[in-house]
Structures are given as C-alpha cells and as structure tokens.
Amino acid sequence: MIPKLGNYPVEEITQRDLERVIKPLWNTKHETARKALNRLNVIIKYAAALGLNVDIGVVDKARQLPGLTRHQPEKMPALSAIDTSEFYQSLSDLSPTHLCMKLLILTGLRSRPVRHARIDQFDGDIWTIPGEMMKGKRGRTPDFRVPLSEEAQSVVANAMRISRDGFLFPSIRKGVISDSTLSKHMRDRELPGVPHGFRSTLRTWLTDNTDIPFEVAEMIIAHKTGSKVARAYNRTDCLERRRHYMEMWADFLVLKQDRASSATRCSFFGRPPGLPDWPGANWPDPSRAFWMVCIS
C-alpha cells in the first residue's frame, strides 16, 4: 500500500485506487490483500474521526471490485508425529537453534514467544509468557502459563547455560535467533514441514492418542474456546490438566514408550481401530467391553 498510495491525500483515495493496488494479490496472496485492506480501513475511520472529508465506505467498496477470489488456502506443512520424534532426537547440539527447536516442539507454541524466552520468565516447572509475546490485541492479551515437562525443564536448563542478555536463545550478533533460522534448519535437512507445523502435529497427536478434552487440547496450543462471556466466567487455564498431557507428549518424543503407553487412556469400543475384521472374529459387544490400544 505505502509505495503506491503513500503520497496520496487520504481524502482523495477512491475504491478504484484500492482495486489497482490489491488486484495483483487478490488471487495469489489473498491473505496479504485482506490484511492490507483491514489496516487501511482503520486509517480511513481515524481520518473520518478527525473530521477529514473521506469516504468511510471506500474499503468495503474496493472489496467488491475484484470479485470472488480463486485463491485456495493451503495448510501449513507439518511432519507426522513419528517423524517429529525422529527429528527431535536428532537435535543433539547445545546450540540456540537446536535447543529452541526442541522447546518449540515440546510446548507446541508459536515461534515468537519461544525465540524471545527470557530467564526471568521461568519458575521451576512453570513458564509464564508475557501477554505482549502472545498472539492477540496489545494490552488486552493476558499472560500465558506453560507447564513444563521434565524434558522441557532439561532443555531450559541447557539453554540457560548459553543465554545472553537474559535471552535463552541469542543470535550470533545481537538479539534472539530469527524464525527464518529455524525454517532454514528444516529446509537444510530437507524436511517436508515448517516450525509452525509442529503445533498441528501436537494437536493431532493429542486427539489421536489421548482422551484429552477439546478445551484442554486447545488451551495447550494457546487457542481460545467458547464465547467471550463463557471465558469471563470460566477463568481456569487448566494448568495441571495440561501438565499430564505435556508429559505424555515429551515421553513420546524421546521414546519413553512404557511410561507414555501406561499414561494413555484412549478407549476404543468394539473392534480396535486399525485391525481387520477377520472372518469369524468374535469381537466383544461394544456396549459391554472396550479395547485399549497402545503402540510400542
């Protein structure tokens, strides 16, 4: 927007001007075009509030001009749970990249709060992330507590040994390592996934392999559930309930199968999933029995 409209007086911007800017992106980078229009709409409304003679509906008009988008959103590429476990175990260096990637996989968080993790945010087995590091509106997003598994605590302890200026994962020069550093590491390993995809891997594994309630699973990856009113009354962050499942995930990653399997509570009624319906097989009545399947 800035290169093409930066010198335009805000009162002279029309829907045709906006169409010219967003049309090249409409079918290729639709999300970029959508965000650009949203931010421009904020500017237009602010100008109107100042008393400037702007067309307050110019953004809505511009959205109608390019027509329906042909853009098909693609899912974030992610590794399978087994491949994630193998990758995790290959991260053997005590380097910021390897340790940051480990904590990212263990917690299922977004890259930003992990990369900017500070020593003073950790207190034993609880990591408290400031609200400004979480996704959400600035000043309105609460702090987020993360229960750390034994494995995650070990990763944090190693990271503290290489910390600088209070940051657990410093870059070579200054500040913290970048998101592109983590992405490049996966590309160099020729892995068909991206760092953000580990959130999907964890969420899918929790659904497929545990009895985790929906709201607890969503809380683990810092997603909101329920209405604003429901959240105002139900103020728990399910910390202790999340801890149990985070230990299971960590055990799976490091292949502590005996412990992970004993903690699994998946109940499958009738014929166990994945097993054929052999001729003559007499599976128990689903109403009176259940099978517990633990893969080791």
Protein backbone atom coordinates (compact mmCIF):
# COMPACT_ATOMS: atom_id res chain seq x y z
CA MET A 1 0.00 0.00 0.00
CA ILE A 2 2.68 2.53 1.02
CA PRO A 3 4.68 2.53 -2.26
CA LYS A 4 1.55 3.06 -4.38
CA LEU A 5 -0.66 5.17 -2.13
CA GLY A 6 1.78 6.71 0.32
CA ASN A 7 1.77 10.12 -1.40
CA TYR A 8 -2.00 10.24 -1.96
CA PRO A 9 -4.02 12.67 0.19
CA VAL A 10 -6.28 10.42 2.25
CA GLU A 11 -9.35 12.44 1.18
CA GLU A 12 -8.69 11.64 -2.49
CA ILE A 13 -8.37 7.84 -2.21
CA THR A 14 -11.11 6.02 -4.12
CA GLN A 15 -12.15 2.40 -4.44
CA ARG A 16 -10.58 2.31 -7.90
CA ASP A 17 -7.22 3.29 -6.41
CA LEU A 18 -7.51 0.46 -3.90
CA GLU A 19 -8.59 -2.01 -6.56
CA ARG A 20 -5.48 -1.21 -8.57
CA VAL A 21 -3.30 -1.99 -5.57
CA ILE A 22 -4.93 -5.19 -4.34
CA LYS A 23 -5.90 -6.79 -7.65
CA PRO A 24 -2.44 -8.33 -8.34
CA LEU A 25 -2.63 -10.00 -4.91
CA TRP A 26 -6.29 -10.98 -4.88
CA ASN A 27 -5.87 -14.46 -6.38
CA THR A 28 -2.28 -15.19 -5.34
CA LYS A 29 -1.74 -13.67 -1.90
CA HIS A 30 -5.29 -13.12 -0.77
CA GLU A 31 -4.49 -13.05 2.95
CA THR A 32 -1.97 -10.26 2.37
CA ALA A 33 -4.56 -8.26 0.43
CA ARG A 34 -7.18 -8.86 3.15
CA LYS A 35 -4.88 -7.65 5.93
CA ALA A 36 -3.82 -4.60 3.92
CA LEU A 37 -7.45 -3.57 3.40
CA ASN A 38 -8.26 -4.10 7.08
CA ARG A 39 -5.41 -1.86 8.18
CA LEU A 40 -6.30 0.77 5.61
CA ASN A 41 -9.88 0.71 6.89
CA VAL A 42 -8.59 1.62 10.36
CA ILE A 43 -6.74 4.60 8.86
CA ILE A 44 -9.79 5.77 6.92
CA LYS A 45 -12.01 5.61 10.02
CA TYR A 46 -9.43 7.51 12.05
CA ALA A 47 -9.30 10.19 9.36
CA ALA A 48 -13.08 10.44 9.46
CA ALA A 49 -12.96 10.80 13.25
CA LEU A 50 -10.56 13.73 12.79
CA GLY A 51 -13.18 15.42 10.62
CA LEU A 52 -11.48 14.89 7.27
CA ASN A 53 -13.69 14.53 4.22
CA VAL A 54 -13.02 10.87 3.47
CA ASP A 55 -15.26 8.17 2.02
CA ILE A 56 -15.69 5.98 5.07
CA GLY A 57 -17.01 3.12 2.92
CA VAL A 58 -14.19 3.15 0.38
CA VAL A 59 -12.60 -0.09 1.65
CA ASP A 60 -15.89 -2.02 1.58
CA LYS A 61 -16.48 -0.80 -1.97
CA ALA A 62 -12.97 -1.84 -3.01
CA ARG A 63 -13.54 -5.38 -1.68
CA GLN A 64 -16.39 -5.87 -4.14
CA LEU A 65 -14.48 -4.87 -7.26
CA PRO A 66 -12.03 -7.80 -7.76
CA GLY A 67 -14.83 -10.37 -7.41
CA LEU A 68 -14.54 -13.75 -5.71
CA THR A 69 -11.00 -14.89 -5.14
CA ARG A 70 -9.71 -18.06 -6.78
CA HIS A 71 -7.10 -18.38 -4.07
CA GLN A 72 -7.15 -21.75 -2.29
CA PRO A 73 -5.57 -21.57 1.17
CA GLU A 74 -3.02 -24.26 1.88
CA LYS A 75 -2.45 -25.95 5.21
CA MET A 76 0.82 -25.33 6.98
CA PRO A 77 3.13 -28.26 6.08
CA ALA A 78 3.83 -30.40 9.12
CA LEU A 79 5.75 -33.57 9.97
CA SER A 80 3.99 -36.67 11.21
CA ALA A 81 4.29 -37.46 14.91
CA ILE A 82 6.76 -40.29 14.24
CA ASP A 83 8.92 -38.10 12.01
CA THR A 84 8.76 -35.34 14.62
CA SER A 85 10.05 -37.76 17.25
CA GLU A 86 12.95 -38.78 14.99
CA PHE A 87 13.75 -35.16 14.23
CA TYR A 88 13.58 -34.22 17.90
CA GLN A 89 16.08 -36.89 18.85
CA SER A 90 18.46 -35.69 16.14
CA LEU A 91 18.69 -32.24 17.78
CA SER A 92 21.73 -33.12 19.85
CA ASP A 93 23.75 -29.88 19.82
CA LEU A 94 23.71 -27.44 22.72
CA SER A 95 23.22 -24.63 20.22
CA PRO A 96 20.49 -21.96 20.30
CA THR A 97 18.94 -23.39 17.13
CA HIS A 98 18.70 -26.96 18.40
CA LEU A 99 17.55 -26.02 21.90
CA CYS A 100 14.99 -23.51 20.62
CA MET A 101 13.61 -26.07 18.16
CA LYS A 102 13.31 -28.59 20.98
CA LEU A 103 11.35 -26.23 23.22
CA LEU A 104 9.16 -25.26 20.26
CA ILE A 105 8.29 -28.91 19.61
CA LEU A 106 7.79 -29.76 23.29
CA THR A 107 5.41 -26.89 24.01
CA GLY A 108 3.53 -26.51 20.71
CA LEU A 109 3.76 -22.73 20.99
CA ARG A 110 4.22 -20.19 18.25
CA SER A 111 7.77 -19.25 17.33
CA ARG A 112 7.82 -15.71 18.74
CA PRO A 113 7.36 -16.41 22.47
CA VAL A 114 9.80 -19.33 22.29
CA ARG A 115 12.52 -17.40 20.47
CA HIS A 116 12.14 -14.44 22.87
CA ALA A 117 12.05 -16.58 26.01
CA ARG A 118 13.85 -14.93 28.94
CA ILE A 119 15.39 -16.45 32.05
CA ASP A 120 13.13 -14.46 34.38
CA GLN A 121 10.02 -15.99 32.80
CA PHE A 122 10.79 -19.43 34.25
CA ASP A 123 9.96 -20.52 37.77
CA GLY A 124 10.59 -24.21 38.33
CA ASP A 125 8.25 -26.19 36.11
CA ILE A 126 6.14 -23.21 35.03
CA TRP A 127 6.94 -20.81 32.21
CA THR A 128 4.95 -17.56 32.30
CA ILE A 129 4.88 -15.82 28.92
CA PRO A 130 4.01 -12.09 28.97
CA GLY A 131 0.81 -11.22 27.16
CA GLU A 132 2.63 -8.96 24.68
CA MET A 133 4.51 -12.03 23.40
CA MET A 134 1.28 -13.94 22.72
CA LYS A 135 -0.99 -13.61 19.72
CA GLY A 136 -3.75 -11.12 20.43
CA LYS A 137 -4.54 -7.46 20.87
CA ARG A 138 -1.80 -5.46 22.54
CA GLY A 139 -2.64 -4.63 26.13
CA ARG A 140 -5.63 -6.99 26.16
CA THR A 141 -3.91 -10.36 26.00
CA PRO A 142 -3.22 -11.95 29.40
CA ASP A 143 -0.03 -13.72 30.39
CA PHE A 144 0.06 -17.40 29.46
CA ARG A 145 1.36 -20.11 31.79
CA VAL A 146 3.01 -23.17 30.28
CA PRO A 147 3.51 -26.38 32.32
CA LEU A 148 6.99 -27.71 31.55
CA SER A 149 7.57 -31.43 31.24
CA GLU A 150 10.72 -32.94 32.72
CA GLU A 151 12.24 -32.96 29.24
CA ALA A 152 11.35 -29.31 28.68
CA GLN A 153 12.90 -28.36 32.01
CA SER A 154 16.10 -30.08 30.92
CA VAL A 155 16.09 -28.13 27.64
CA VAL A 156 15.57 -24.85 29.51
CA ALA A 157 18.42 -25.66 31.91
CA ASN A 158 20.78 -26.27 28.98
CA ALA A 159 19.60 -23.09 27.27
CA MET A 160 20.34 -21.04 30.37
CA ARG A 161 23.98 -22.05 30.05
CA ILE A 162 24.23 -20.34 26.66
CA SER A 163 21.91 -17.41 27.41
CA ARG A 164 22.93 -13.81 26.76
CA ASP A 165 21.38 -10.57 27.96
CA GLY A 166 18.67 -12.60 29.65
CA PHE A 167 17.55 -14.34 26.43
CA LEU A 168 17.68 -18.14 26.29
CA PHE A 169 18.24 -18.31 22.54
CA PRO A 170 20.60 -15.49 21.48
CA SER A 171 21.58 -14.90 17.88
CA ILE A 172 25.19 -14.80 16.76
CA ARG A 173 25.32 -10.99 16.79
CA LYS A 174 22.57 -9.48 18.93
CA GLY A 175 19.01 -10.12 19.95
CA VAL A 176 17.48 -13.58 19.52
CA ILE A 177 17.56 -16.13 16.74
CA SER A 178 15.11 -15.47 13.94
CA ASP A 179 12.19 -17.52 12.70
CA SER A 180 13.99 -17.87 9.37
CA THR A 181 16.89 -19.55 11.19
CA LEU A 182 14.57 -22.30 12.41
CA SER A 183 12.93 -22.63 8.99
CA LYS A 184 16.31 -22.81 7.25
CA HIS A 185 17.43 -25.57 9.57
CA MET A 186 14.46 -27.69 8.50
CA ARG A 187 14.99 -26.87 4.82
CA ASP A 188 18.64 -27.82 5.07
CA ARG A 189 17.54 -31.17 6.49
CA GLU A 190 15.12 -31.50 3.54
CA LEU A 191 12.17 -31.97 5.89
CA PRO A 192 8.64 -31.54 4.47
CA GLY A 193 7.48 -29.23 7.22
CA VAL A 194 7.93 -25.83 8.84
CA PRO A 195 8.40 -24.87 12.52
CA HIS A 196 4.80 -23.63 12.86
CA GLY A 197 3.61 -27.04 11.69
CA PHE A 198 4.65 -28.65 14.97
CA ARG A 199 1.56 -27.06 16.53
CA SER A 200 -0.59 -29.08 14.17
CA THR A 201 1.47 -32.22 14.81
CA LEU A 202 1.00 -31.92 18.56
CA ARG A 203 -2.70 -31.09 18.31
CA THR A 204 -3.34 -34.07 16.02
CA TRP A 205 -1.32 -36.43 18.22
CA LEU A 206 -3.30 -35.38 21.29
CA THR A 207 -6.59 -36.13 19.53
CA ASP A 208 -5.46 -39.45 18.07
CA ASN A 209 -3.64 -40.85 21.09
CA THR A 210 -5.20 -39.47 24.27
CA ASP A 211 -8.55 -38.82 25.85
CA ILE A 212 -7.82 -35.10 26.18
CA PRO A 213 -10.91 -32.86 26.34
CA PHE A 214 -11.27 -30.42 23.47
CA GLU A 215 -10.86 -27.28 25.58
CA VAL A 216 -7.68 -28.59 27.24
CA ALA A 217 -6.14 -29.51 23.88
CA GLU A 218 -6.93 -26.06 22.53
CA MET A 219 -5.51 -24.44 25.66
CA ILE A 220 -2.22 -26.31 25.15
CA ILE A 221 -1.65 -24.56 21.82
CA ALA A 222 -2.98 -21.27 23.23
CA HIS A 223 -6.25 -21.22 21.30
CA LYS A 224 -9.35 -19.60 22.75
CA THR A 225 -12.51 -21.65 23.14
CA GLY A 226 -16.08 -20.68 23.91
CA SER A 227 -17.64 -17.24 23.83
CA LYS A 228 -16.28 -14.12 25.47
CA VAL A 229 -18.94 -14.40 28.15
CA ALA A 230 -18.09 -18.07 28.84
CA ARG A 231 -14.40 -17.19 29.20
CA ALA A 232 -15.27 -14.37 31.59
CA TYR A 233 -16.88 -16.88 33.96
CA ASN A 234 -14.59 -19.87 33.40
CA ARG A 235 -11.17 -18.44 34.23
CA THR A 236 -9.11 -21.59 34.65
CA ASP A 237 -6.09 -22.13 32.45
CA CYS A 238 -6.19 -25.92 33.01
CA LEU A 239 -2.54 -25.84 34.07
CA GLU A 240 -2.40 -29.14 35.92
CA ARG A 241 -4.58 -30.93 33.38
CA ARG A 242 -2.30 -29.72 30.61
CA ARG A 243 0.79 -30.89 32.51
CA HIS A 244 -0.29 -34.54 32.28
CA TYR A 245 -0.60 -34.46 28.51
CA MET A 246 2.59 -32.46 28.01
CA GLU A 247 4.49 -35.18 29.88
CA MET A 248 2.92 -37.78 27.59
CA TRP A 249 3.97 -35.80 24.51
CA ALA A 250 7.52 -35.40 25.81
CA ASP A 251 7.73 -39.12 26.58
CA PHE A 252 6.60 -39.91 23.05
CA LEU A 253 9.21 -37.60 21.55
CA VAL A 254 12.08 -39.24 23.44
CA LEU A 255 10.56 -42.72 23.02
CA LYS A 256 9.84 -43.42 26.67
CA GLN A 257 7.16 -45.73 25.36
CA ASP A 258 6.49 -47.71 28.55
CA ARG A 259 5.68 -44.59 30.51
CA ALA A 260 3.79 -42.94 27.64
CA SER A 261 1.74 -46.06 27.00
CA SER A 262 0.83 -46.56 30.64
CA ALA A 263 -0.44 -42.99 30.77
CA THR A 264 -2.55 -43.36 27.64
CA ARG A 265 -6.26 -43.54 28.30
CA CYS A 266 -7.62 -43.99 24.80
CA SER A 267 -10.62 -46.29 24.87
CA PHE A 268 -11.84 -47.82 21.63
CA PHE A 269 -15.14 -49.66 21.75
CA GLY A 270 -15.68 -52.89 19.85
CA ARG A 271 -13.10 -53.86 17.23
CA PRO A 272 -9.80 -51.98 17.82
CA PRO A 273 -9.09 -49.39 15.09
CA GLY A 274 -6.57 -50.50 12.51
CA LEU A 275 -7.25 -54.23 12.94
CA PRO A 276 -9.07 -56.08 10.15
CA ASP A 277 -12.49 -57.56 10.60
CA TRP A 278 -11.25 -61.13 10.19
CA PRO A 279 -13.81 -63.73 9.09
CA GLY A 280 -15.19 -65.46 12.13
CA ALA A 281 -13.68 -62.96 14.56
CA ASN A 282 -15.84 -62.62 17.64
CA TRP A 283 -15.19 -59.08 18.89
CA PRO A 284 -16.80 -58.18 22.24
CA ASP A 285 -20.13 -56.42 22.38
CA PRO A 286 -19.31 -52.66 22.14
CA SER A 287 -21.84 -51.94 24.89
CA ARG A 288 -20.08 -54.21 27.40
CA ALA A 289 -16.35 -54.09 26.63
CA PHE A 290 -13.62 -51.87 25.34
CA TRP A 291 -10.14 -52.29 23.88
CA MET A 292 -7.13 -50.22 24.82
CA VAL A 293 -4.55 -50.00 22.05
CA CYS A 294 -1.03 -48.85 22.89
CA ILE A 295 1.52 -48.95 20.07
CA SER A 296 5.11 -49.50 21.14
